[in-house]
Amino acid sequence: MYPPYPPGTELADKLTTSPRLIKTHLPVQLVPKSFWEQGCRVVYVARNAKDNAVSYFHFDRMNMSQPEPGDWSSYLQRFMDGKLVFGSWYDHVTVWWEKQAHSKLHYMFYEDLIEDTGLEIDRLCSFLGLSPSAEEKERIRAGVQFDSMKSNTMTNYSTDSAMDFKVSPFMRKGKVGDWKNHFTVAQNEHFDEDYKKKMKNPTLQFRTEV
């Protein structure tokens, strides 16, 4: 997954058991070869670029371990240029998408999780070879709803001293389409033009609205 931590990744956490679960933001080229050779299963969660940029901006504002993000306009340009900590969003999501020939990779979209959490739980369970009861699936579905995680100290990072909640909560909104509250018309047009140049794989499609 490309940072910041989308709430959908908590769904994967709740369906697997520690210590078998490893969470990472690494681009696919930095994952050790042994990871693939040993048959590890990968659940990758991706979020559309516009909402991701907004979420990442607010995350960097409240994360005291990161440099000050500066103003939104300059931050958005750095996001487009791939000059943030984890590099290019475009490369990150595309290379992982193209890794799907590896049968152990399950690619999920944040927007799908928001639209129909139950369906995505079923798909994830199928991939993981799990058969939870209807009651267990409902408990998971309720537990991974944004408001539920926002009030849960196990997921909202409220005990993390590196997070300044006076600036912004870690679990801020979780909405699909919040980018509309940040992008100006000019920024949106520029972003769309740049997006078309960088997203070369026509099979990888993101939704910016649900």
N, C-alpha and C. Protein backbone atom coordinates (compact mmCIF):
# COMPACT_ATOMS: atom_id res chain seq x y z
N MET A 1 0.84 -1.19 0.00
CA MET A 1 0.00 0.00 0.00
C MET A 1 0.87 1.24 0.00
N TYR A 2 0.41 2.25 -0.72
CA TYR A 2 1.10 3.52 -0.72
C TYR A 2 0.57 4.32 0.47
N PRO A 3 1.46 4.96 1.24
CA PRO A 3 1.02 5.68 2.44
C PRO A 3 0.17 6.89 2.08
N PRO A 4 -0.53 7.47 3.09
CA PRO A 4 -0.60 7.02 4.48
C PRO A 4 -1.47 5.78 4.63
N TYR A 5 -1.56 5.29 5.86
CA TYR A 5 -2.24 4.03 6.10
C TYR A 5 -3.74 4.15 5.82
N PRO A 6 -4.23 3.57 4.74
CA PRO A 6 -5.67 3.65 4.51
C PRO A 6 -6.42 2.73 5.46
N PRO A 7 -7.62 3.12 5.91
CA PRO A 7 -8.36 2.28 6.86
C PRO A 7 -8.58 0.87 6.34
N GLY A 8 -8.64 0.68 5.04
CA GLY A 8 -8.87 -0.64 4.50
C GLY A 8 -7.83 -1.66 4.90
N THR A 9 -6.63 -1.22 5.21
CA THR A 9 -5.58 -2.17 5.59
C THR A 9 -5.89 -2.82 6.93
N GLU A 10 -6.68 -2.13 7.77
CA GLU A 10 -7.04 -2.72 9.06
C GLU A 10 -7.92 -3.94 8.85
N LEU A 11 -8.68 -3.96 7.76
CA LEU A 11 -9.52 -5.11 7.46
C LEU A 11 -8.65 -6.35 7.30
N ALA A 12 -7.55 -6.19 6.57
CA ALA A 12 -6.63 -7.32 6.39
C ALA A 12 -6.03 -7.73 7.73
N ASP A 13 -5.72 -6.76 8.59
CA ASP A 13 -5.18 -7.06 9.91
C ASP A 13 -6.14 -7.94 10.71
N LYS A 14 -7.42 -7.61 10.66
CA LYS A 14 -8.40 -8.30 11.48
C LYS A 14 -8.71 -9.70 10.96
N LEU A 15 -8.34 -9.99 9.71
CA LEU A 15 -8.61 -11.31 9.15
C LEU A 15 -7.41 -12.23 9.21
N THR A 16 -6.29 -11.73 9.68
CA THR A 16 -5.09 -12.55 9.81
C THR A 16 -4.61 -12.49 11.24
N THR A 17 -3.67 -13.34 11.59
CA THR A 17 -3.22 -13.38 12.97
C THR A 17 -1.73 -13.13 13.07
N SER A 18 -1.34 -12.35 14.05
CA SER A 18 0.07 -12.10 14.33
C SER A 18 0.67 -13.38 14.89
N PRO A 19 1.96 -13.70 14.62
CA PRO A 19 2.95 -12.86 13.96
C PRO A 19 3.07 -13.11 12.46
N ARG A 20 2.06 -13.67 11.84
CA ARG A 20 2.15 -13.99 10.42
C ARG A 20 1.94 -12.77 9.54
N LEU A 21 1.50 -11.66 10.11
CA LEU A 21 1.18 -10.48 9.32
C LEU A 21 2.30 -9.46 9.37
N ILE A 22 2.71 -8.99 8.19
CA ILE A 22 3.69 -7.92 8.08
C ILE A 22 3.07 -6.81 7.25
N LYS A 23 3.08 -5.59 7.79
CA LYS A 23 2.54 -4.44 7.06
C LYS A 23 3.70 -3.59 6.54
N THR A 24 3.64 -3.22 5.28
CA THR A 24 4.73 -2.44 4.69
C THR A 24 4.20 -1.48 3.63
N HIS A 25 4.97 -0.42 3.42
CA HIS A 25 4.69 0.51 2.33
C HIS A 25 5.71 0.37 1.20
N LEU A 26 6.53 -0.64 1.24
CA LEU A 26 7.60 -0.79 0.26
C LEU A 26 7.07 -0.92 -1.16
N PRO A 27 7.74 -0.29 -2.12
CA PRO A 27 7.42 -0.55 -3.52
C PRO A 27 7.83 -1.97 -3.85
N VAL A 28 7.22 -2.56 -4.85
CA VAL A 28 7.41 -3.99 -5.11
C VAL A 28 8.86 -4.35 -5.38
N GLN A 29 9.62 -3.46 -5.99
CA GLN A 29 11.01 -3.78 -6.34
C GLN A 29 11.91 -3.90 -5.11
N LEU A 30 11.46 -3.43 -3.95
CA LEU A 30 12.26 -3.53 -2.73
C LEU A 30 11.86 -4.71 -1.84
N VAL A 31 10.84 -5.43 -2.26
CA VAL A 31 10.44 -6.62 -1.50
C VAL A 31 11.44 -7.73 -1.77
N PRO A 32 11.99 -8.37 -0.75
CA PRO A 32 13.00 -9.43 -0.95
C PRO A 32 12.48 -10.56 -1.85
N LYS A 33 13.36 -11.12 -2.67
CA LYS A 33 12.98 -12.21 -3.57
C LYS A 33 12.44 -13.40 -2.79
N SER A 34 13.01 -13.63 -1.61
CA SER A 34 12.58 -14.77 -0.80
C SER A 34 11.11 -14.67 -0.42
N PHE A 35 10.62 -13.45 -0.37
CA PHE A 35 9.21 -13.24 -0.04
C PHE A 35 8.31 -13.93 -1.04
N TRP A 36 8.69 -13.80 -2.33
CA TRP A 36 7.90 -14.42 -3.39
C TRP A 36 8.19 -15.92 -3.47
N GLU A 37 9.43 -16.27 -3.29
CA GLU A 37 9.84 -17.67 -3.42
C GLU A 37 9.20 -18.56 -2.36
N GLN A 38 8.91 -17.98 -1.19
CA GLN A 38 8.35 -18.77 -0.09
C GLN A 38 6.82 -18.77 -0.06
N GLY A 39 6.23 -18.22 -1.10
CA GLY A 39 4.78 -18.29 -1.24
C GLY A 39 3.99 -17.42 -0.29
N CYS A 40 4.57 -16.32 0.16
CA CYS A 40 3.84 -15.40 1.03
C CYS A 40 2.67 -14.78 0.27
N ARG A 41 1.58 -14.59 0.94
CA ARG A 41 0.42 -13.95 0.31
C ARG A 41 0.47 -12.44 0.57
N VAL A 42 0.11 -11.69 -0.45
CA VAL A 42 0.18 -10.23 -0.37
C VAL A 42 -1.21 -9.64 -0.59
N VAL A 43 -1.62 -8.77 0.33
CA VAL A 43 -2.84 -8.00 0.15
C VAL A 43 -2.42 -6.55 -0.03
N TYR A 44 -2.66 -6.02 -1.21
CA TYR A 44 -2.26 -4.64 -1.52
C TYR A 44 -3.51 -3.78 -1.59
N VAL A 45 -3.52 -2.69 -0.84
CA VAL A 45 -4.65 -1.77 -0.84
C VAL A 45 -4.23 -0.44 -1.46
N ALA A 46 -4.95 -0.02 -2.48
CA ALA A 46 -4.62 1.23 -3.19
C ALA A 46 -5.80 2.20 -3.12
N ARG A 47 -5.47 3.48 -3.08
CA ARG A 47 -6.48 4.54 -3.02
C ARG A 47 -6.24 5.51 -4.17
N ASN A 48 -7.30 6.10 -4.69
CA ASN A 48 -7.13 7.01 -5.83
C ASN A 48 -6.17 8.15 -5.49
N ALA A 49 -5.48 8.64 -6.51
CA ALA A 49 -4.38 9.58 -6.32
C ALA A 49 -4.81 10.89 -5.66
N LYS A 50 -5.96 11.40 -6.02
CA LYS A 50 -6.38 12.70 -5.49
C LYS A 50 -6.67 12.64 -3.99
N ASP A 51 -7.46 11.66 -3.58
CA ASP A 51 -7.74 11.51 -2.15
C ASP A 51 -6.48 11.11 -1.40
N ASN A 52 -5.62 10.33 -2.04
CA ASN A 52 -4.38 9.92 -1.40
C ASN A 52 -3.50 11.12 -1.12
N ALA A 53 -3.40 12.02 -2.09
CA ALA A 53 -2.58 13.22 -1.91
C ALA A 53 -3.09 14.07 -0.75
N VAL A 54 -4.40 14.23 -0.66
CA VAL A 54 -5.00 15.02 0.42
C VAL A 54 -4.75 14.35 1.77
N SER A 55 -4.98 13.04 1.84
CA SER A 55 -4.79 12.31 3.09
C SER A 55 -3.32 12.35 3.53
N TYR A 56 -2.43 12.17 2.56
CA TYR A 56 -0.99 12.20 2.85
C TYR A 56 -0.56 13.58 3.35
N PHE A 57 -1.12 14.63 2.78
CA PHE A 57 -0.81 15.99 3.19
C PHE A 57 -1.16 16.21 4.66
N HIS A 58 -2.37 15.81 5.05
CA HIS A 58 -2.80 16.01 6.44
C HIS A 58 -2.03 15.09 7.39
N PHE A 59 -1.66 13.90 6.90
CA PHE A 59 -0.84 13.01 7.70
C PHE A 59 0.52 13.63 7.98
N ASP A 60 1.12 14.22 6.97
CA ASP A 60 2.43 14.85 7.16
C ASP A 60 2.34 16.09 8.04
N ARG A 61 1.19 16.75 8.03
CA ARG A 61 1.00 17.92 8.89
C ARG A 61 1.04 17.53 10.37
N MET A 62 0.47 16.37 10.69
CA MET A 62 0.36 15.98 12.10
C MET A 62 1.44 15.01 12.54
N ASN A 63 2.22 14.49 11.61
CA ASN A 63 3.27 13.53 11.92
C ASN A 63 4.57 14.27 12.19
N MET A 64 4.95 14.36 13.45
CA MET A 64 6.13 15.14 13.82
C MET A 64 7.44 14.49 13.43
N SER A 65 7.39 13.24 12.99
CA SER A 65 8.62 12.58 12.53
C SER A 65 8.91 12.88 11.06
N GLN A 66 7.99 13.58 10.41
CA GLN A 66 8.16 13.96 9.01
C GLN A 66 8.47 15.44 8.90
N PRO A 67 9.15 15.86 7.82
CA PRO A 67 9.39 17.30 7.63
C PRO A 67 8.06 18.04 7.46
N GLU A 68 8.05 19.31 7.76
CA GLU A 68 6.86 20.14 7.55
C GLU A 68 6.45 20.05 6.08
N PRO A 69 5.17 19.80 5.79
CA PRO A 69 4.77 19.62 4.40
C PRO A 69 4.68 20.90 3.57
N GLY A 70 4.66 22.05 4.25
CA GLY A 70 4.50 23.29 3.52
C GLY A 70 3.05 23.51 3.12
N ASP A 71 2.82 24.41 2.17
CA ASP A 71 1.44 24.69 1.76
C ASP A 71 0.93 23.61 0.82
N TRP A 72 -0.40 23.55 0.69
CA TRP A 72 -1.04 22.50 -0.10
C TRP A 72 -0.61 22.52 -1.57
N SER A 73 -0.49 23.68 -2.15
CA SER A 73 -0.14 23.78 -3.57
C SER A 73 1.23 23.18 -3.87
N SER A 74 2.22 23.53 -3.07
CA SER A 74 3.57 23.00 -3.30
C SER A 74 3.62 21.51 -2.96
N TYR A 75 2.85 21.09 -1.96
CA TYR A 75 2.82 19.67 -1.59
C TYR A 75 2.22 18.84 -2.72
N LEU A 76 1.14 19.34 -3.30
CA LEU A 76 0.51 18.63 -4.40
C LEU A 76 1.47 18.45 -5.57
N GLN A 77 2.26 19.48 -5.84
CA GLN A 77 3.23 19.37 -6.93
C GLN A 77 4.30 18.34 -6.61
N ARG A 78 4.74 18.28 -5.36
CA ARG A 78 5.73 17.27 -4.97
C ARG A 78 5.15 15.87 -5.08
N PHE A 79 3.87 15.74 -4.74
CA PHE A 79 3.20 14.45 -4.89
C PHE A 79 3.21 14.04 -6.36
N MET A 80 2.88 14.96 -7.23
CA MET A 80 2.86 14.67 -8.66
C MET A 80 4.25 14.34 -9.18
N ASP A 81 5.26 14.97 -8.61
CA ASP A 81 6.64 14.75 -9.04
C ASP A 81 7.27 13.51 -8.40
N GLY A 82 6.55 12.87 -7.50
CA GLY A 82 7.08 11.69 -6.83
C GLY A 82 8.20 12.00 -5.85
N LYS A 83 8.15 13.18 -5.24
CA LYS A 83 9.22 13.61 -4.36
C LYS A 83 8.86 13.52 -2.88
N LEU A 84 7.98 12.60 -2.55
CA LEU A 84 7.65 12.35 -1.16
C LEU A 84 8.41 11.12 -0.67
N VAL A 85 8.26 10.81 0.61
CA VAL A 85 9.10 9.79 1.25
C VAL A 85 9.09 8.46 0.51
N PHE A 86 7.93 8.01 0.07
CA PHE A 86 7.84 6.69 -0.56
C PHE A 86 7.83 6.76 -2.08
N GLY A 87 8.28 7.88 -2.62
CA GLY A 87 8.41 7.98 -4.06
C GLY A 87 7.11 8.24 -4.78
N SER A 88 7.05 7.82 -6.02
CA SER A 88 5.92 8.09 -6.90
C SER A 88 4.72 7.20 -6.62
N TRP A 89 3.58 7.81 -6.35
CA TRP A 89 2.34 7.06 -6.21
C TRP A 89 2.05 6.29 -7.49
N TYR A 90 2.27 6.93 -8.63
CA TYR A 90 1.97 6.34 -9.93
C TYR A 90 2.76 5.05 -10.14
N ASP A 91 4.03 5.09 -9.84
CA ASP A 91 4.87 3.90 -10.00
C ASP A 91 4.48 2.83 -8.98
N HIS A 92 4.23 3.25 -7.76
CA HIS A 92 3.94 2.32 -6.67
C HIS A 92 2.71 1.47 -7.01
N VAL A 93 1.60 2.13 -7.33
CA VAL A 93 0.36 1.38 -7.58
C VAL A 93 0.41 0.59 -8.88
N THR A 94 1.13 1.12 -9.87
CA THR A 94 1.18 0.45 -11.18
C THR A 94 2.03 -0.82 -11.14
N VAL A 95 3.21 -0.74 -10.54
CA VAL A 95 4.10 -1.91 -10.51
C VAL A 95 3.48 -3.03 -9.68
N TRP A 96 2.84 -2.69 -8.57
CA TRP A 96 2.16 -3.71 -7.79
C TRP A 96 1.00 -4.32 -8.59
N TRP A 97 0.28 -3.49 -9.33
CA TRP A 97 -0.82 -3.98 -10.17
C TRP A 97 -0.31 -4.99 -11.20
N GLU A 98 0.81 -4.69 -11.79
CA GLU A 98 1.37 -5.54 -12.82
C GLU A 98 2.00 -6.81 -12.25
N LYS A 99 2.10 -6.88 -10.94
CA LYS A 99 2.62 -8.07 -10.27
C LYS A 99 1.52 -9.11 -10.07
N GLN A 100 0.33 -8.84 -10.53
CA GLN A 100 -0.79 -9.74 -10.27
C GLN A 100 -0.66 -11.09 -10.96
N ALA A 101 0.29 -11.23 -11.87
CA ALA A 101 0.54 -12.54 -12.46
C ALA A 101 0.97 -13.51 -11.37
N HIS A 102 1.48 -12.93 -10.28
CA HIS A 102 1.83 -13.74 -9.11
C HIS A 102 0.53 -14.09 -8.39
N SER A 103 0.20 -15.37 -8.33
CA SER A 103 -1.11 -15.79 -7.84
C SER A 103 -1.34 -15.49 -6.37
N LYS A 104 -0.29 -15.11 -5.65
CA LYS A 104 -0.42 -14.86 -4.22
C LYS A 104 -0.70 -13.38 -3.91
N LEU A 105 -1.02 -12.60 -4.92
CA LEU A 105 -1.28 -11.17 -4.72
C LEU A 105 -2.76 -10.85 -4.90
N HIS A 106 -3.33 -10.18 -3.91
CA HIS A 106 -4.73 -9.74 -3.97
C HIS A 106 -4.73 -8.22 -3.92
N TYR A 107 -5.16 -7.59 -5.00
CA TYR A 107 -5.14 -6.13 -5.14
C TYR A 107 -6.52 -5.59 -4.79
N MET A 108 -6.56 -4.69 -3.82
CA MET A 108 -7.83 -4.14 -3.37
C MET A 108 -7.85 -2.62 -3.57
N PHE A 109 -9.04 -2.10 -3.81
CA PHE A 109 -9.22 -0.65 -3.96
C PHE A 109 -9.98 -0.10 -2.76
N TYR A 110 -9.46 0.97 -2.19
CA TYR A 110 -10.08 1.60 -1.03
C TYR A 110 -11.52 1.98 -1.33
N GLU A 111 -11.76 2.47 -2.53
CA GLU A 111 -13.09 2.90 -2.92
C GLU A 111 -14.10 1.74 -2.88
N ASP A 112 -13.65 0.55 -3.27
CA ASP A 112 -14.51 -0.63 -3.22
C ASP A 112 -14.82 -1.00 -1.77
N LEU A 113 -13.83 -0.86 -0.90
CA LEU A 113 -14.03 -1.16 0.52
C LEU A 113 -15.08 -0.23 1.14
N ILE A 114 -15.05 1.02 0.73
CA ILE A 114 -16.02 1.99 1.25
C ILE A 114 -17.41 1.69 0.70
N GLU A 115 -17.48 1.36 -0.57
CA GLU A 115 -18.78 1.15 -1.22
C GLU A 115 -19.49 -0.12 -0.75
N ASP A 116 -18.74 -1.22 -0.64
CA ASP A 116 -19.35 -2.49 -0.24
C ASP A 116 -18.34 -3.29 0.58
N THR A 117 -18.26 -2.97 1.85
CA THR A 117 -17.30 -3.63 2.73
C THR A 117 -17.53 -5.13 2.81
N GLY A 118 -18.79 -5.53 2.88
CA GLY A 118 -19.11 -6.95 2.99
C GLY A 118 -18.60 -7.76 1.81
N LEU A 119 -18.79 -7.23 0.62
CA LEU A 119 -18.33 -7.93 -0.58
C LEU A 119 -16.81 -8.06 -0.59
N GLU A 120 -16.11 -7.01 -0.18
CA GLU A 120 -14.65 -7.05 -0.16
C GLU A 120 -14.13 -7.99 0.92
N ILE A 121 -14.86 -8.11 2.02
CA ILE A 121 -14.50 -9.09 3.05
C ILE A 121 -14.61 -10.50 2.47
N ASP A 122 -15.68 -10.75 1.73
CA ASP A 122 -15.86 -12.07 1.12
C ASP A 122 -14.72 -12.38 0.15
N ARG A 123 -14.35 -11.41 -0.66
CA ARG A 123 -13.28 -11.62 -1.63
C ARG A 123 -11.94 -11.86 -0.94
N LEU A 124 -11.70 -11.12 0.12
CA LEU A 124 -10.45 -11.28 0.85
C LEU A 124 -10.41 -12.63 1.56
N CYS A 125 -11.53 -13.04 2.13
CA CYS A 125 -11.58 -14.33 2.79
C CYS A 125 -11.30 -15.45 1.79
N SER A 126 -11.87 -15.33 0.60
CA SER A 126 -11.65 -16.33 -0.44
C SER A 126 -10.17 -16.42 -0.79
N PHE A 127 -9.52 -15.26 -0.93
CA PHE A 127 -8.09 -15.22 -1.25
C PHE A 127 -7.25 -15.85 -0.14
N LEU A 128 -7.62 -15.58 1.10
CA LEU A 128 -6.85 -16.08 2.24
C LEU A 128 -7.21 -17.51 2.63
N GLY A 129 -8.25 -18.04 2.00
CA GLY A 129 -8.66 -19.39 2.33
C GLY A 129 -9.34 -19.49 3.68
N LEU A 130 -10.05 -18.43 4.07
CA LEU A 130 -10.73 -18.39 5.35
C LEU A 130 -12.23 -18.55 5.17
N SER A 131 -12.88 -19.13 6.17
CA SER A 131 -14.33 -19.33 6.11
C SER A 131 -14.98 -18.87 7.42
N PRO A 132 -14.92 -17.58 7.69
CA PRO A 132 -15.53 -17.08 8.93
C PRO A 132 -17.05 -17.23 8.88
N SER A 133 -17.64 -17.32 10.06
CA SER A 133 -19.10 -17.40 10.14
C SER A 133 -19.70 -16.04 9.77
N ALA A 134 -21.01 -16.04 9.55
CA ALA A 134 -21.70 -14.79 9.24
C ALA A 134 -21.54 -13.80 10.38
N GLU A 135 -21.55 -14.31 11.61
CA GLU A 135 -21.40 -13.44 12.77
C GLU A 135 -20.00 -12.83 12.82
N GLU A 136 -19.01 -13.64 12.51
CA GLU A 136 -17.63 -13.13 12.49
C GLU A 136 -17.44 -12.07 11.42
N LYS A 137 -18.00 -12.32 10.24
CA LYS A 137 -17.88 -11.35 9.15
C LYS A 137 -18.59 -10.04 9.49
N GLU A 138 -19.72 -10.13 10.15
CA GLU A 138 -20.43 -8.91 10.54
C GLU A 138 -19.65 -8.15 11.60
N ARG A 139 -19.02 -8.87 12.51
CA ARG A 139 -18.20 -8.22 13.53
C ARG A 139 -17.03 -7.49 12.88
N ILE A 140 -16.42 -8.12 11.89
CA ILE A 140 -15.31 -7.50 11.17
C ILE A 140 -15.80 -6.30 10.38
N ARG A 141 -16.92 -6.46 9.68
CA ARG A 141 -17.47 -5.36 8.88
C ARG A 141 -17.73 -4.14 9.75
N ALA A 142 -18.33 -4.37 10.92
CA ALA A 142 -18.61 -3.26 11.83
C ALA A 142 -17.33 -2.66 12.39
N GLY A 143 -16.35 -3.52 12.66
CA GLY A 143 -15.11 -3.05 13.26
C GLY A 143 -14.24 -2.23 12.34
N VAL A 144 -14.37 -2.44 11.02
CA VAL A 144 -13.51 -1.69 10.09
C VAL A 144 -14.21 -0.47 9.50
N GLN A 145 -15.42 -0.16 9.98
CA GLN A 145 -16.05 1.08 9.55
C GLN A 145 -15.23 2.26 10.09
N PHE A 146 -15.16 3.32 9.33
CA PHE A 146 -14.26 4.42 9.66
C PHE A 146 -14.52 5.00 11.05
N ASP A 147 -15.77 5.26 11.37
CA ASP A 147 -16.08 5.85 12.67
C ASP A 147 -15.69 4.93 13.82
N SER A 148 -15.82 3.63 13.58
CA SER A 148 -15.44 2.66 14.61
C SER A 148 -13.93 2.69 14.84
N MET A 149 -13.16 2.72 13.78
CA MET A 149 -11.71 2.74 13.92
C MET A 149 -11.22 4.08 14.45
N LYS A 150 -11.94 5.15 14.13
CA LYS A 150 -11.53 6.47 14.61
C LYS A 150 -11.63 6.57 16.12
N SER A 151 -12.54 5.81 16.71
CA SER A 151 -12.71 5.85 18.17
C SER A 151 -11.96 4.72 18.87
N ASN A 152 -11.28 3.88 18.11
CA ASN A 152 -10.57 2.73 18.66
C ASN A 152 -9.09 3.07 18.86
N THR A 153 -8.62 3.03 20.09
CA THR A 153 -7.22 3.38 20.37
C THR A 153 -6.24 2.41 19.74
N MET A 154 -6.70 1.24 19.33
CA MET A 154 -5.83 0.26 18.68
C MET A 154 -5.57 0.62 17.22
N THR A 155 -6.40 1.51 16.66
CA THR A 155 -6.25 1.86 15.24
C THR A 155 -6.10 3.36 14.98
N ASN A 156 -6.42 4.20 15.96
CA ASN A 156 -6.42 5.64 15.69
C ASN A 156 -5.11 6.34 16.04
N TYR A 157 -4.13 5.60 16.53
CA TYR A 157 -2.78 6.10 16.84
C TYR A 157 -2.79 7.24 17.86
N SER A 158 -3.83 7.32 18.67
CA SER A 158 -3.93 8.41 19.64
C SER A 158 -2.89 8.30 20.74
N THR A 159 -2.27 7.14 20.90
CA THR A 159 -1.24 6.97 21.92
C THR A 159 0.17 7.16 21.38
N ASP A 160 0.28 7.48 20.11
CA ASP A 160 1.59 7.64 19.46
C ASP A 160 2.08 9.07 19.68
N SER A 161 3.18 9.22 20.38
CA SER A 161 3.70 10.55 20.72
C SER A 161 4.21 11.32 19.51
N ALA A 162 4.41 10.63 18.39
CA ALA A 162 4.89 11.31 17.18
C ALA A 162 3.76 11.99 16.42
N MET A 163 2.52 11.73 16.83
CA MET A 163 1.36 12.28 16.14
C MET A 163 0.80 13.47 16.91
N ASP A 164 0.68 14.62 16.26
CA ASP A 164 0.15 15.82 16.89
C ASP A 164 -1.34 15.96 16.56
N PHE A 165 -2.19 15.48 17.45
CA PHE A 165 -3.61 15.50 17.20
C PHE A 165 -4.22 16.89 17.33
N LYS A 166 -3.43 17.85 17.77
CA LYS A 166 -3.91 19.24 17.79
C LYS A 166 -3.93 19.80 16.37
N VAL A 167 -3.13 19.20 15.50
CA VAL A 167 -3.07 19.62 14.10
C VAL A 167 -4.15 18.91 13.28
N SER A 168 -4.22 17.59 13.45
CA SER A 168 -5.18 16.78 12.70
C SER A 168 -5.25 15.40 13.33
N PRO A 169 -6.43 14.76 13.34
CA PRO A 169 -6.48 13.37 13.81
C PRO A 169 -5.84 12.46 12.77
N PHE A 170 -5.33 11.32 13.21
CA PHE A 170 -4.77 10.36 12.27
C PHE A 170 -5.88 9.83 11.36
N MET A 171 -6.99 9.43 11.96
CA MET A 171 -8.17 9.02 11.20
C MET A 171 -8.99 10.29 10.96
N ARG A 172 -8.81 10.92 9.84
CA ARG A 172 -9.38 12.25 9.62
C ARG A 172 -10.81 12.19 9.09
N LYS A 173 -11.00 11.75 7.84
CA LYS A 173 -12.34 11.67 7.26
C LYS A 173 -12.63 10.31 6.64
N GLY A 174 -11.70 9.80 5.86
CA GLY A 174 -11.89 8.51 5.22
C GLY A 174 -12.90 8.52 4.09
N LYS A 175 -13.26 9.70 3.60
CA LYS A 175 -14.26 9.83 2.55
C LYS A 175 -13.65 9.68 1.15
N VAL A 176 -14.43 9.13 0.24
CA VAL A 176 -14.04 9.13 -1.16
C VAL A 176 -14.57 10.43 -1.78
N GLY A 177 -13.66 11.21 -2.36
CA GLY A 177 -14.07 12.47 -2.97
C GLY A 177 -13.76 13.70 -2.14
N ASP A 178 -13.08 13.53 -1.01
CA ASP A 178 -12.72 14.69 -0.18
C ASP A 178 -11.76 15.61 -0.91
N TRP A 179 -11.10 15.11 -1.95
CA TRP A 179 -10.18 15.94 -2.74
C TRP A 179 -10.87 17.19 -3.28
N LYS A 180 -12.18 17.11 -3.48
CA LYS A 180 -12.92 18.25 -4.03
C LYS A 180 -12.88 19.46 -3.08
N ASN A 181 -12.64 19.20 -1.80
CA ASN A 181 -12.57 20.27 -0.81
C ASN A 181 -11.18 20.91 -0.75
N HIS A 182 -10.24 20.41 -1.55
CA HIS A 182 -8.87 20.90 -1.52
C HIS A 182 -8.35 21.38 -2.87
N PHE A 183 -8.70 20.68 -3.92
CA PHE A 183 -8.23 21.04 -5.26
C PHE A 183 -8.97 22.26 -5.79
N THR A 184 -8.23 23.23 -6.30
CA THR A 184 -8.87 24.30 -7.06
C THR A 184 -9.18 23.77 -8.46
N VAL A 185 -9.95 24.50 -9.22
CA VAL A 185 -10.27 24.09 -10.59
C VAL A 185 -8.99 23.96 -11.40
N ALA A 186 -8.10 24.94 -11.25
CA ALA A 186 -6.84 24.92 -12.00
C ALA A 186 -5.97 23.74 -11.57
N GLN A 187 -5.89 23.46 -10.28
CA GLN A 187 -5.10 22.34 -9.78
C GLN A 187 -5.66 21.02 -10.32
N ASN A 188 -6.97 20.91 -10.34
CA ASN A 188 -7.59 19.68 -10.81
C ASN A 188 -7.31 19.45 -12.29
N GLU A 189 -7.39 20.49 -13.08
CA GLU A 189 -7.12 20.37 -14.52
C GLU A 189 -5.67 19.99 -14.77
N HIS A 190 -4.77 20.63 -14.04
CA HIS A 190 -3.34 20.33 -14.17
C HIS A 190 -3.04 18.90 -13.73
N PHE A 191 -3.67 18.49 -12.64
CA PHE A 191 -3.47 17.14 -12.12
C PHE A 191 -3.96 16.10 -13.13
N ASP A 192 -5.14 16.32 -13.68
CA ASP A 192 -5.71 15.36 -14.63
C ASP A 192 -4.83 15.23 -15.88
N GLU A 193 -4.30 16.33 -16.34
CA GLU A 193 -3.43 16.30 -17.52
C GLU A 193 -2.15 15.52 -17.22
N ASP A 194 -1.58 15.76 -16.05
CA ASP A 194 -0.36 15.07 -15.65
C ASP A 194 -0.63 13.59 -15.41
N TYR A 195 -1.79 13.28 -14.83
CA TYR A 195 -2.19 11.91 -14.53
C TYR A 195 -2.24 11.06 -15.81
N LYS A 196 -2.80 11.63 -16.86
CA LYS A 196 -2.93 10.91 -18.13
C LYS A 196 -1.57 10.54 -18.71
N LYS A 197 -0.59 11.39 -18.47
CA LYS A 197 0.75 11.13 -18.98
C LYS A 197 1.45 10.02 -18.20
N LYS A 198 1.19 9.96 -16.90
CA LYS A 198 1.93 9.04 -16.04
C LYS A 198 1.27 7.68 -15.87
N MET A 199 -0.03 7.61 -15.97
CA MET A 199 -0.73 6.33 -15.79
C MET A 199 -0.89 5.67 -17.15
N LYS A 200 0.08 4.85 -17.50
CA LYS A 200 0.15 4.27 -18.83
C LYS A 200 -0.65 2.98 -18.98
N ASN A 201 -0.90 2.29 -17.88
CA ASN A 201 -1.58 1.00 -17.96
C ASN A 201 -3.09 1.20 -17.96
N PRO A 202 -3.76 0.96 -19.10
CA PRO A 202 -5.21 1.23 -19.19
C PRO A 202 -6.05 0.28 -18.36
N THR A 203 -5.48 -0.83 -17.90
CA THR A 203 -6.26 -1.79 -17.11
C THR A 203 -6.38 -1.38 -15.64
N LEU A 204 -5.56 -0.44 -15.21
CA LEU A 204 -5.60 0.02 -13.82
C LEU A 204 -6.44 1.30 -13.75
N GLN A 205 -7.63 1.15 -13.23
CA GLN A 205 -8.59 2.26 -13.19
C GLN A 205 -9.00 2.57 -11.75
N PHE A 206 -8.91 3.83 -11.38
CA PHE A 206 -9.32 4.27 -10.04
C PHE A 206 -10.59 5.12 -10.15
N ARG A 207 -11.38 5.08 -9.10
CA ARG A 207 -12.55 5.93 -9.00
C ARG A 207 -12.28 7.06 -8.01
N THR A 208 -12.65 8.27 -8.37
CA THR A 208 -12.47 9.41 -7.48
C THR A 208 -13.80 9.80 -6.82
N GLU A 209 -14.85 9.04 -7.12
CA GLU A 209 -16.16 9.25 -6.50
C GLU A 209 -16.81 7.88 -6.31
N VAL A 210 -17.68 7.77 -5.33
CA VAL A 210 -18.44 6.53 -5.12
C VAL A 210 -19.92 6.90 -5.00
